[in-house]
Amino acid sequence: MTPTRSCSPLDQGPSSETKPTNCDHNFSGVDDEKKMNVGDSNGSTDDVQSVVVQTRDRDSLVSTSAAGAATLVSQPDVPDGGLRAWLIVLGTSFSTLSSFGYINSWGVFQSYYEETLLKDHSPSDIAWIGSIQICLVFLPALISGRLLDLGIFKIPFVAASVLLVVSTFLVAECTQYWQFVLCQGLATGIGVGMVFAPSLSIIGHWFRRKRGIAIGLTTFGSSVGGTFFPIAARKLIPVVGFPWTMRILGFILLVTLSVPCLTLARRLPPKKVSGRLFSFRIFRDSPPFAVYTGATVCLFLGLFTILTYIDISAITHEVSPEYSFYLVAIANASSAIGRIVAGLTADKIGAINFIAPTTLLTGIITFAWPFATSGRSLTAIAVLYGFTSGTVVSGFIIPAFLLGDISEIGQRTGMIMTVGAIGGLFGTPIGGAINKRSGGFEQVGYFAGQSTLFFWLFPDATLLSPVLY
């Protein structure tokens, strides 16, 4: 029996005749990859149709051809546990706490700047600081992903950690709008981006069957940071002032970032990478990945709107400022539960099967948010939004692991996050401009909710592939 060439299920035709595939994937570059022929060479093949059997291990594909032959291509063996692997998760958790968790507190700064330091600037102008942060969380992923594939991890990670700490200290000295854009927007954003993206990618080196829970625990750190930092900032500012508040936050980041700097490490050997940073070949070889990447732009256009404006929207409805800032922390605390649930569930039922309905709920909640006018109703919105958006943030990156060769995981992660950064850059400023023009948040909710629902519609409409379901 002659083994067939292994390829993605999307490249197999439905015909009962053996056809040449249009599969460009090359799995031979993985050193410890194992190939196993399955089937009975003596069996009749006249009535056998070409079928694709998707294994429960979503990192392996079993393709059965009309000749009755099947080829199993499995990804390299991974620890999926053990002290060293779970130390990686500890490091990635502290990494996301210090990066994505830190900028998740932006809603408190948006409200504070509108009321005090930058009150002469419009909400949309101020929102650009936060949107630059969000954009730069994802934009450098293309570079950090390529470096990770090449085996370069520790030096840029430590350098980014230093940049994040230094930029936080520099924010304490800012008094002008352009200074905040430079220090809190650009410098902090670049530091966060070069810390956050490799932390997600490196999980793929150490986990496969337990990858969902590993990602869930990793993103749990961002929920902890998003809960702690806004409360700490708002409580410290009246006591020690804004400059010393930022210095204290800088010292906290210095401690928390030391954990990933000491524990994180690659496991797979470096990959010889040629070609461009942004490879259109990957889109061509996997149309589902291309569609999913485009859909993330819509997701990021709307996903961060509530977290940015829920504090200031509560104040406009005469909710006490002493309570309104807690709404950001409540949303982030609730997202911690969502991220853990997403990690546990995605491993069992598939990433898209779980995040598709929770994305739908996130969009619906975003539509409802502007009509919450009391402290209780806004608290309910914060809790529900935090849970559902937490599942989306935890699970949206998993398809990047599944739709291609694990040796290119850094590049695929970088591409999906870099393209998605476009939405993160423009989402909240557009919301601020809509708020200024309309005088309320109803139209803002419509815009953000529709953007989020587009992310839900695109992957479902294209039936991304059995790999994800």
Protein backbone atom coordinates (compact mmCIF):
# COMPACT_ATOMS: atom_id res chain seq x y z
CA MET A 1 0.00 0.00 0.00
CA THR A 2 1.34 3.41 -1.01
CA PRO A 3 0.97 6.10 1.66
CA THR A 4 -0.95 9.19 0.68
CA ARG A 5 0.25 12.69 1.19
CA SER A 6 -1.09 14.24 4.36
CA CYS A 7 -2.82 17.58 4.09
CA SER A 8 -5.54 19.68 5.61
CA PRO A 9 -9.13 18.37 5.34
CA LEU A 10 -9.95 21.53 3.43
CA ASP A 11 -7.69 20.40 0.61
CA GLN A 12 -9.43 17.04 0.08
CA GLY A 13 -12.09 16.82 -2.58
CA PRO A 14 -15.42 15.06 -2.11
CA SER A 15 -15.03 12.81 -5.12
CA SER A 16 -14.61 9.05 -4.77
CA GLU A 17 -11.69 9.19 -7.19
CA THR A 18 -8.18 9.83 -6.05
CA LYS A 19 -7.24 13.39 -6.91
CA PRO A 20 -4.04 15.34 -6.51
CA THR A 21 -4.34 17.64 -3.58
CA ASN A 22 -3.62 21.34 -3.50
CA CYS A 23 -1.85 21.14 -0.20
CA ASP A 24 1.34 23.13 0.24
CA HIS A 25 1.96 22.23 3.87
CA ASN A 26 5.39 20.79 4.49
CA PHE A 27 5.59 18.81 7.69
CA SER A 28 9.01 17.31 7.03
CA GLY A 29 10.76 20.12 8.84
CA VAL A 30 9.62 18.89 12.25
CA ASP A 31 12.32 16.63 13.64
CA ASP A 32 10.24 14.48 15.95
CA GLU A 33 7.19 14.20 13.74
CA LYS A 34 5.84 10.67 13.43
CA LYS A 35 4.01 9.24 10.43
CA MET A 36 1.91 6.07 10.68
CA ASN A 37 0.12 4.26 7.90
CA VAL A 38 -3.33 3.02 8.80
CA GLY A 39 -5.49 0.66 6.75
CA ASP A 40 -5.69 -2.79 5.22
CA SER A 41 -3.85 -3.20 1.96
CA ASN A 42 -5.92 -6.29 1.15
CA GLY A 43 -9.27 -4.54 1.54
CA SER A 44 -11.49 -3.65 -1.39
CA THR A 45 -11.36 -0.01 -2.44
CA ASP A 46 -13.95 0.10 -5.25
CA ASP A 47 -16.73 1.50 -3.05
CA VAL A 48 -14.60 3.51 -0.67
CA GLN A 49 -15.21 7.24 -0.73
CA SER A 50 -12.63 9.84 0.27
CA VAL A 51 -13.31 10.82 3.86
CA VAL A 52 -11.50 12.79 6.47
CA VAL A 53 -11.38 11.49 10.01
CA GLN A 54 -10.62 14.18 12.54
CA THR A 55 -8.97 12.80 15.66
CA ARG A 56 -9.88 13.94 19.14
CA ASP A 57 -6.38 15.36 19.31
CA ARG A 58 -7.04 18.49 17.31
CA ASP A 59 -3.35 18.86 16.53
CA SER A 60 -3.42 15.73 14.33
CA LEU A 61 -5.16 15.09 11.04
CA VAL A 62 -6.11 11.67 9.67
CA SER A 63 -6.81 11.69 5.93
CA THR A 64 -8.29 8.58 4.32
CA SER A 65 -8.11 8.37 0.53
CA ALA A 66 -10.06 6.37 -2.05
CA ALA A 67 -7.26 3.82 -2.11
CA GLY A 68 -8.20 2.86 1.42
CA ALA A 69 -4.99 4.31 2.82
CA ALA A 70 -4.71 6.78 5.65
CA THR A 71 -1.84 8.83 6.89
CA LEU A 72 -1.63 10.19 10.40
CA VAL A 73 0.50 13.26 10.86
CA SER A 74 0.97 14.15 14.47
CA GLN A 75 2.62 17.13 15.99
CA PRO A 76 5.77 16.77 18.08
CA ASP A 77 5.37 15.20 21.49
CA VAL A 78 4.86 17.79 24.19
CA PRO A 79 5.07 17.50 27.99
CA ASP A 80 1.42 18.48 28.64
CA GLY A 81 2.28 18.73 32.32
CA GLY A 82 5.06 18.30 34.82
CA LEU A 83 6.81 20.83 37.04
CA ARG A 84 8.66 22.61 34.22
CA ALA A 85 5.57 22.99 32.06
CA TRP A 86 3.45 24.35 34.90
CA LEU A 87 6.23 26.78 35.81
CA ILE A 88 5.84 28.06 32.27
CA VAL A 89 2.14 28.65 32.99
CA LEU A 90 3.07 30.45 36.22
CA GLY A 91 5.40 32.70 34.24
CA THR A 92 2.87 33.39 31.49
CA SER A 93 0.22 34.22 34.11
CA PHE A 94 2.46 36.85 35.69
CA SER A 95 3.35 38.05 32.21
CA THR A 96 -0.28 38.69 31.26
CA LEU A 97 -0.95 40.19 34.70
CA SER A 98 1.78 42.75 34.07
CA SER A 99 0.91 43.43 30.44
CA PHE A 100 -2.67 42.94 29.32
CA GLY A 101 -3.92 43.15 32.91
CA TYR A 102 -2.17 46.49 33.36
CA ILE A 103 -3.67 48.12 30.27
CA ASN A 104 -7.08 46.63 31.12
CA SER A 105 -7.15 49.28 33.84
CA TRP A 106 -7.18 52.03 31.18
CA GLY A 107 -10.86 52.82 31.85
CA VAL A 108 -9.89 54.32 35.21
CA PHE A 109 -7.23 56.52 33.58
CA GLN A 110 -9.66 57.57 30.84
CA SER A 111 -12.13 58.77 33.47
CA TYR A 112 -9.46 60.44 35.62
CA TYR A 113 -7.90 62.27 32.67
CA GLU A 114 -11.28 63.53 31.46
CA GLU A 115 -11.99 64.94 34.92
CA THR A 116 -8.56 66.39 35.83
CA LEU A 117 -5.26 66.25 33.94
CA LEU A 118 -6.60 66.37 30.37
CA LYS A 119 -10.05 67.88 30.91
CA ASP A 120 -9.47 70.33 28.05
CA HIS A 121 -9.27 67.44 25.58
CA SER A 122 -12.20 65.49 24.13
CA PRO A 123 -12.97 61.90 25.19
CA SER A 124 -11.97 60.77 21.70
CA ASP A 125 -8.57 62.48 21.98
CA ILE A 126 -7.92 60.86 25.35
CA ALA A 127 -9.12 57.49 24.07
CA TRP A 128 -6.32 57.53 21.49
CA ILE A 129 -3.85 56.96 24.33
CA GLY A 130 -5.62 53.78 25.37
CA SER A 131 -6.25 52.64 21.80
CA ILE A 132 -2.56 52.99 20.96
CA GLN A 133 -1.87 50.75 23.94
CA ILE A 134 -4.38 48.17 22.73
CA CYS A 135 -3.06 48.31 19.17
CA LEU A 136 0.54 47.86 20.30
CA VAL A 137 -0.42 44.92 22.50
CA PHE A 138 -1.07 43.00 19.29
CA LEU A 139 0.91 44.78 16.56
CA PRO A 140 4.45 43.67 17.62
CA ALA A 141 3.26 40.06 17.69
CA LEU A 142 4.40 39.64 14.09
CA ILE A 143 7.98 40.47 15.06
CA SER A 144 7.97 38.63 18.38
CA GLY A 145 6.37 35.60 16.71
CA ARG A 146 9.09 35.42 14.06
CA LEU A 147 11.79 35.83 16.71
CA LEU A 148 10.22 33.02 18.72
CA ASP A 149 10.25 30.69 15.71
CA LEU A 150 13.91 31.59 15.14
CA GLY A 151 14.75 30.69 18.74
CA ILE A 152 15.17 34.28 19.95
CA PHE A 153 13.04 34.82 23.03
CA LYS A 154 14.72 35.76 26.29
CA ILE A 155 16.60 38.94 25.29
CA PRO A 156 13.67 40.78 23.63
CA PHE A 157 11.35 39.65 26.43
CA VAL A 158 13.60 41.06 29.16
CA ALA A 159 14.18 44.26 27.16
CA ALA A 160 10.41 44.74 26.75
CA SER A 161 9.90 44.19 30.48
CA VAL A 162 12.44 46.91 31.24
CA LEU A 163 10.72 49.25 28.76
CA LEU A 164 7.34 48.65 30.39
CA VAL A 165 8.66 49.46 33.86
CA VAL A 166 10.58 52.55 32.71
CA SER A 167 7.63 53.92 30.73
CA THR A 168 5.40 53.59 33.80
CA PHE A 169 7.84 55.67 35.81
CA LEU A 170 7.94 58.24 33.00
CA VAL A 171 4.14 58.62 32.99
CA ALA A 172 4.51 60.02 36.49
CA GLU A 173 6.36 62.99 35.00
CA CYS A 174 3.84 63.69 32.21
CA THR A 175 1.77 66.88 32.22
CA GLN A 176 0.99 67.45 28.52
CA TYR A 177 -1.18 65.43 26.16
CA TRP A 178 1.65 64.57 23.78
CA GLN A 179 3.74 63.32 26.70
CA PHE A 180 0.99 60.89 27.72
CA VAL A 181 0.69 59.69 24.11
CA LEU A 182 4.43 59.09 23.92
CA CYS A 183 4.95 57.45 27.32
CA GLN A 184 1.65 55.79 28.24
CA GLY A 185 0.55 55.14 24.66
CA LEU A 186 3.59 54.27 22.57
CA ALA A 187 6.27 53.18 25.06
CA THR A 188 3.93 51.28 27.37
CA GLY A 189 2.14 49.74 24.38
CA ILE A 190 5.33 48.45 22.79
CA GLY A 191 6.55 47.03 26.09
CA VAL A 192 3.22 45.32 26.75
CA GLY A 193 3.05 43.93 23.21
CA MET A 194 6.51 42.38 23.28
CA VAL A 195 5.72 40.79 26.63
CA PHE A 196 2.16 39.61 25.96
CA ALA A 197 2.32 37.93 22.53
CA PRO A 198 5.27 35.57 23.19
CA SER A 199 3.59 34.50 26.42
CA LEU A 200 0.64 33.11 24.46
CA SER A 201 2.76 31.55 21.72
CA ILE A 202 5.13 29.75 24.04
CA ILE A 203 2.24 27.78 25.57
CA GLY A 204 2.09 25.87 22.28
CA HIS A 205 5.61 24.56 22.94
CA TRP A 206 4.61 22.93 26.21
CA PHE A 207 0.95 21.94 25.95
CA ARG A 208 -1.30 20.22 23.43
CA ARG A 209 -4.19 18.27 25.00
CA LYS A 210 -4.24 20.62 27.97
CA ARG A 211 -3.62 23.70 25.90
CA GLY A 212 -7.04 25.21 26.62
CA ILE A 213 -6.61 25.15 30.40
CA ALA A 214 -3.01 26.40 30.04
CA ILE A 215 -4.24 29.37 27.99
CA GLY A 216 -7.08 29.89 30.47
CA LEU A 217 -4.67 30.06 33.41
CA THR A 218 -2.39 32.34 31.41
CA THR A 219 -5.14 34.83 30.63
CA PHE A 220 -6.40 34.51 34.21
CA GLY A 221 -3.36 36.59 35.12
CA SER A 222 -4.65 39.48 33.02
CA SER A 223 -7.93 39.37 34.95
CA VAL A 224 -6.05 39.57 38.23
CA GLY A 225 -4.05 42.53 36.94
CA GLY A 226 -7.16 44.17 35.50
CA THR A 227 -8.83 43.86 38.89
CA PHE A 228 -5.90 44.99 41.00
CA PHE A 229 -4.44 47.90 39.02
CA PRO A 230 -7.58 50.06 38.65
CA ILE A 231 -8.42 49.75 42.36
CA ALA A 232 -4.82 50.45 43.35
CA ALA A 233 -4.61 53.48 41.05
CA ARG A 234 -7.90 55.03 42.14
CA LYS A 235 -7.19 54.48 45.85
CA LEU A 236 -3.62 55.76 45.70
CA ILE A 237 -4.20 58.95 43.68
CA PRO A 238 -6.11 60.83 46.44
CA VAL A 239 -3.57 59.71 49.05
CA VAL A 240 -0.15 60.12 47.41
CA GLY A 241 -1.01 61.97 44.18
CA PHE A 242 -0.81 60.88 40.57
CA PRO A 243 3.01 60.95 40.15
CA TRP A 244 3.70 58.70 43.13
CA THR A 245 0.82 56.43 42.17
CA MET A 246 2.51 55.71 38.86
CA ARG A 247 5.86 55.18 40.57
CA ILE A 248 4.30 52.65 42.94
CA LEU A 249 2.71 50.85 40.00
CA GLY A 250 6.12 50.82 38.33
CA PHE A 251 7.69 49.10 41.35
CA ILE A 252 4.87 46.54 41.36
CA LEU A 253 5.50 45.80 37.68
CA LEU A 254 9.20 45.40 38.41
CA VAL A 255 8.37 42.58 40.85
CA THR A 256 5.69 40.85 38.78
CA LEU A 257 7.71 40.90 35.56
CA SER A 258 10.68 39.28 37.25
CA VAL A 259 8.72 36.00 37.50
CA PRO A 260 8.31 35.41 33.73
CA CYS A 261 11.83 36.68 33.09
CA LEU A 262 13.10 33.85 35.30
CA THR A 263 10.71 31.03 34.36
CA LEU A 264 9.81 31.33 30.67
CA ALA A 265 11.80 29.42 28.06
CA ARG A 266 11.38 27.85 24.63
CA ARG A 267 11.24 24.09 24.23
CA LEU A 268 11.23 23.38 20.49
CA PRO A 269 14.42 23.80 18.43
CA PRO A 270 14.71 26.94 16.32
CA LYS A 271 13.06 26.81 12.92
CA LYS A 272 14.86 27.96 9.78
CA VAL A 273 12.47 30.63 8.59
CA SER A 274 12.69 32.21 5.18
CA GLY A 275 10.48 34.70 3.43
CA ARG A 276 8.59 37.69 4.70
CA LEU A 277 7.38 38.42 8.20
CA PHE A 278 3.83 38.60 6.90
CA SER A 279 3.30 35.49 4.77
CA PHE A 280 0.32 35.57 2.42
CA ARG A 281 1.10 31.92 1.67
CA ILE A 282 -0.36 31.00 5.05
CA PHE A 283 -3.59 32.75 4.11
CA ARG A 284 -3.60 31.03 0.72
CA ASP A 285 -2.97 27.58 2.18
CA SER A 286 -5.64 28.00 4.85
CA PRO A 287 -8.64 30.11 3.79
CA PRO A 288 -10.34 29.52 7.17
CA PHE A 289 -7.35 31.08 8.89
CA ALA A 290 -7.53 34.06 6.52
CA VAL A 291 -11.21 34.62 7.24
CA TYR A 292 -10.73 34.17 10.98
CA THR A 293 -7.86 36.66 10.98
CA GLY A 294 -9.99 39.26 9.22
CA ALA A 295 -12.82 38.67 11.67
CA THR A 296 -10.57 39.59 14.60
CA VAL A 297 -10.43 43.17 13.27
CA CYS A 298 -14.18 43.43 13.84
CA LEU A 299 -13.82 41.83 17.26
CA PHE A 300 -11.22 44.33 18.47
CA LEU A 301 -13.21 47.25 17.08
CA GLY A 302 -15.92 46.59 19.64
CA LEU A 303 -14.55 44.37 22.38
CA PHE A 304 -12.78 47.02 24.49
CA THR A 305 -15.45 49.73 24.33
CA ILE A 306 -17.33 48.85 27.52
CA LEU A 307 -14.12 48.44 29.49
CA THR A 308 -12.99 51.90 28.35
CA TYR A 309 -16.21 53.87 28.87
CA ILE A 310 -18.24 52.09 31.56
CA ASP A 311 -16.65 54.20 34.31
CA ILE A 312 -17.37 57.56 32.69
CA SER A 313 -20.82 56.44 31.48
CA ALA A 314 -21.73 55.59 35.07
CA ILE A 315 -20.71 59.09 36.20
CA THR A 316 -22.93 60.65 33.51
CA HIS A 317 -25.84 58.74 35.06
CA GLU A 318 -24.96 60.24 38.46
CA VAL A 319 -23.41 57.09 39.86
CA SER A 320 -20.92 58.04 42.59
CA PRO A 321 -17.32 58.33 41.31
CA GLU A 322 -16.27 56.47 44.45
CA TYR A 323 -18.16 53.45 43.11
CA SER A 324 -18.00 53.89 39.33
CA PHE A 325 -14.30 53.10 39.07
CA TYR A 326 -14.98 49.71 40.67
CA LEU A 327 -16.97 48.74 37.57
CA VAL A 328 -13.73 48.25 35.61
CA ALA A 329 -12.35 46.05 38.37
CA ILE A 330 -15.62 44.10 38.61
CA ALA A 331 -15.59 43.42 34.88
CA ASN A 332 -11.99 42.21 35.01
CA ALA A 333 -12.66 40.05 38.07
CA SER A 334 -15.63 38.45 36.34
CA SER A 335 -13.53 37.83 33.24
CA ALA A 336 -11.22 35.65 35.35
CA ILE A 337 -14.05 33.15 35.78
CA GLY A 338 -14.84 33.29 32.07
CA ARG A 339 -11.25 32.63 31.09
CA ILE A 340 -10.92 29.58 33.34
CA VAL A 341 -14.25 28.20 32.12
CA ALA A 342 -13.16 28.79 28.53
CA GLY A 343 -9.90 26.95 29.11
CA LEU A 344 -11.63 23.92 30.62
CA THR A 345 -14.42 23.79 28.06
CA ALA A 346 -12.50 24.53 24.85
CA ASP A 347 -10.37 21.41 25.37
CA LYS A 348 -13.51 19.26 25.43
CA ILE A 349 -15.91 20.73 22.88
CA GLY A 350 -13.64 22.79 20.62
CA ALA A 351 -12.59 26.42 20.64
CA ILE A 352 -15.18 27.79 18.21
CA ASN A 353 -18.00 25.71 19.70
CA PHE A 354 -17.47 27.60 22.94
CA ILE A 355 -16.42 31.13 22.00
CA ALA A 356 -19.04 31.52 19.23
CA PRO A 357 -22.03 31.62 21.63
CA THR A 358 -20.16 33.68 24.22
CA THR A 359 -19.19 36.19 21.52
CA LEU A 360 -22.87 36.45 20.60
CA LEU A 361 -23.68 37.16 24.25
CA THR A 362 -20.90 39.75 24.43
CA GLY A 363 -22.41 41.60 21.47
CA ILE A 364 -25.89 41.53 23.01
CA ILE A 365 -24.57 42.83 26.34
CA THR A 366 -22.74 45.62 24.51
CA PHE A 367 -26.04 46.67 22.91
CA ALA A 368 -27.69 46.69 26.36
CA TRP A 369 -24.92 48.57 28.21
CA PRO A 370 -25.97 52.19 27.32
CA PHE A 371 -29.46 51.55 28.71
CA ALA A 372 -28.14 50.64 32.16
CA THR A 373 -28.59 53.84 34.17
CA SER A 374 -28.17 52.80 37.79
CA GLY A 375 -25.34 51.42 39.86
CA ARG A 376 -27.01 48.01 40.12
CA SER A 377 -27.76 47.65 36.43
CA LEU A 378 -24.26 48.79 35.48
CA THR A 379 -22.80 46.29 37.94
CA ALA A 380 -24.83 43.54 36.28
CA ILE A 381 -23.52 44.65 32.89
CA ALA A 382 -19.95 44.63 34.22
CA VAL A 383 -20.31 41.11 35.61
CA LEU A 384 -21.94 39.65 32.49
CA TYR A 385 -19.66 41.47 30.07
CA GLY A 386 -16.59 40.48 32.06
CA PHE A 387 -17.51 36.79 31.97
CA THR A 388 -18.40 36.58 28.29
CA SER A 389 -15.58 38.80 27.03
CA GLY A 390 -13.17 36.85 29.21
CA THR A 391 -14.04 33.64 27.38
CA VAL A 392 -13.47 35.37 24.04
CA VAL A 393 -10.08 36.81 25.03
CA SER A 394 -9.03 33.44 26.40
CA GLY A 395 -10.15 31.41 23.40
CA PHE A 396 -9.80 33.57 20.31
CA ILE A 397 -6.12 32.71 19.80
CA ILE A 398 -6.55 28.91 19.99
CA PRO A 399 -7.58 28.55 16.31
CA ALA A 400 -4.21 30.03 15.35
CA PHE A 401 -2.61 26.97 17.00
CA LEU A 402 -4.82 24.51 15.13
CA LEU A 403 -4.91 25.84 11.57
CA GLY A 404 -1.41 24.89 10.49
CA ASP A 405 1.98 23.43 11.35
CA ILE A 406 3.04 23.87 14.99
CA SER A 407 6.52 24.93 13.83
CA GLU A 408 4.91 28.11 12.40
CA ILE A 409 2.87 28.84 15.50
CA GLY A 410 4.75 32.04 16.27
CA GLN A 411 4.19 33.45 12.79
CA ARG A 412 0.49 32.55 12.72
CA THR A 413 -0.08 34.00 16.18
CA GLY A 414 1.78 37.14 15.15
CA MET A 415 -0.24 37.55 11.96
CA ILE A 416 -3.64 37.16 13.59
CA MET A 417 -2.77 39.56 16.41
CA THR A 418 -1.12 42.11 14.13
CA VAL A 419 -4.10 42.27 11.79
CA GLY A 420 -6.46 42.42 14.76
CA ALA A 421 -4.50 45.39 16.12
CA ILE A 422 -6.10 47.55 13.43
CA GLY A 423 -9.42 47.16 15.19
CA GLY A 424 -7.85 47.82 18.57
CA LEU A 425 -6.35 51.08 17.32
CA PHE A 426 -9.54 52.62 15.95
CA GLY A 427 -12.27 51.07 18.10
CA THR A 428 -12.32 53.22 21.23
CA PRO A 429 -11.51 56.57 19.50
CA ILE A 430 -14.42 55.93 17.14
CA GLY A 431 -16.56 55.28 20.20
CA GLY A 432 -15.38 58.55 21.76
CA ALA A 433 -16.14 60.48 18.58
CA ILE A 434 -19.62 58.95 18.40
CA ASN A 435 -20.20 59.87 22.04
CA LYS A 436 -19.16 63.49 21.44
CA ARG A 437 -21.37 63.81 18.35
CA SER A 438 -24.45 62.08 19.80
CA GLY A 439 -24.11 63.31 23.38
CA GLY A 440 -24.68 59.82 24.82
CA PHE A 441 -23.51 56.23 24.71
CA GLU A 442 -26.45 54.59 22.90
CA GLN A 443 -24.85 54.98 19.45
CA VAL A 444 -21.52 53.90 20.91
CA GLY A 445 -23.13 50.67 22.10
CA TYR A 446 -24.69 50.06 18.69
CA PHE A 447 -21.35 50.48 16.94
CA ALA A 448 -19.40 48.26 19.37
CA GLY A 449 -22.12 45.62 19.52
CA GLN A 450 -22.37 45.32 15.74
CA SER A 451 -18.59 45.04 15.42
CA THR A 452 -18.50 42.23 17.98
CA LEU A 453 -21.33 40.38 16.26
CA PHE A 454 -19.47 40.48 12.93
CA PHE A 455 -16.75 38.39 14.55
CA TRP A 456 -19.42 35.90 15.56
CA LEU A 457 -20.96 35.81 12.07
CA PHE A 458 -17.85 35.44 9.89
CA PRO A 459 -16.37 32.21 11.33
CA ASP A 460 -19.81 30.58 11.61
CA ALA A 461 -20.75 31.56 8.05
CA THR A 462 -17.60 30.00 6.59
CA LEU A 463 -17.79 26.78 8.66
CA LEU A 464 -14.13 27.15 9.57
CA SER A 465 -13.28 23.43 9.53
CA PRO A 466 -13.60 20.36 11.73
CA VAL A 467 -10.20 21.22 13.18
CA LEU A 468 -11.87 23.97 15.23
CA TYR A 469 -15.18 22.30 15.95
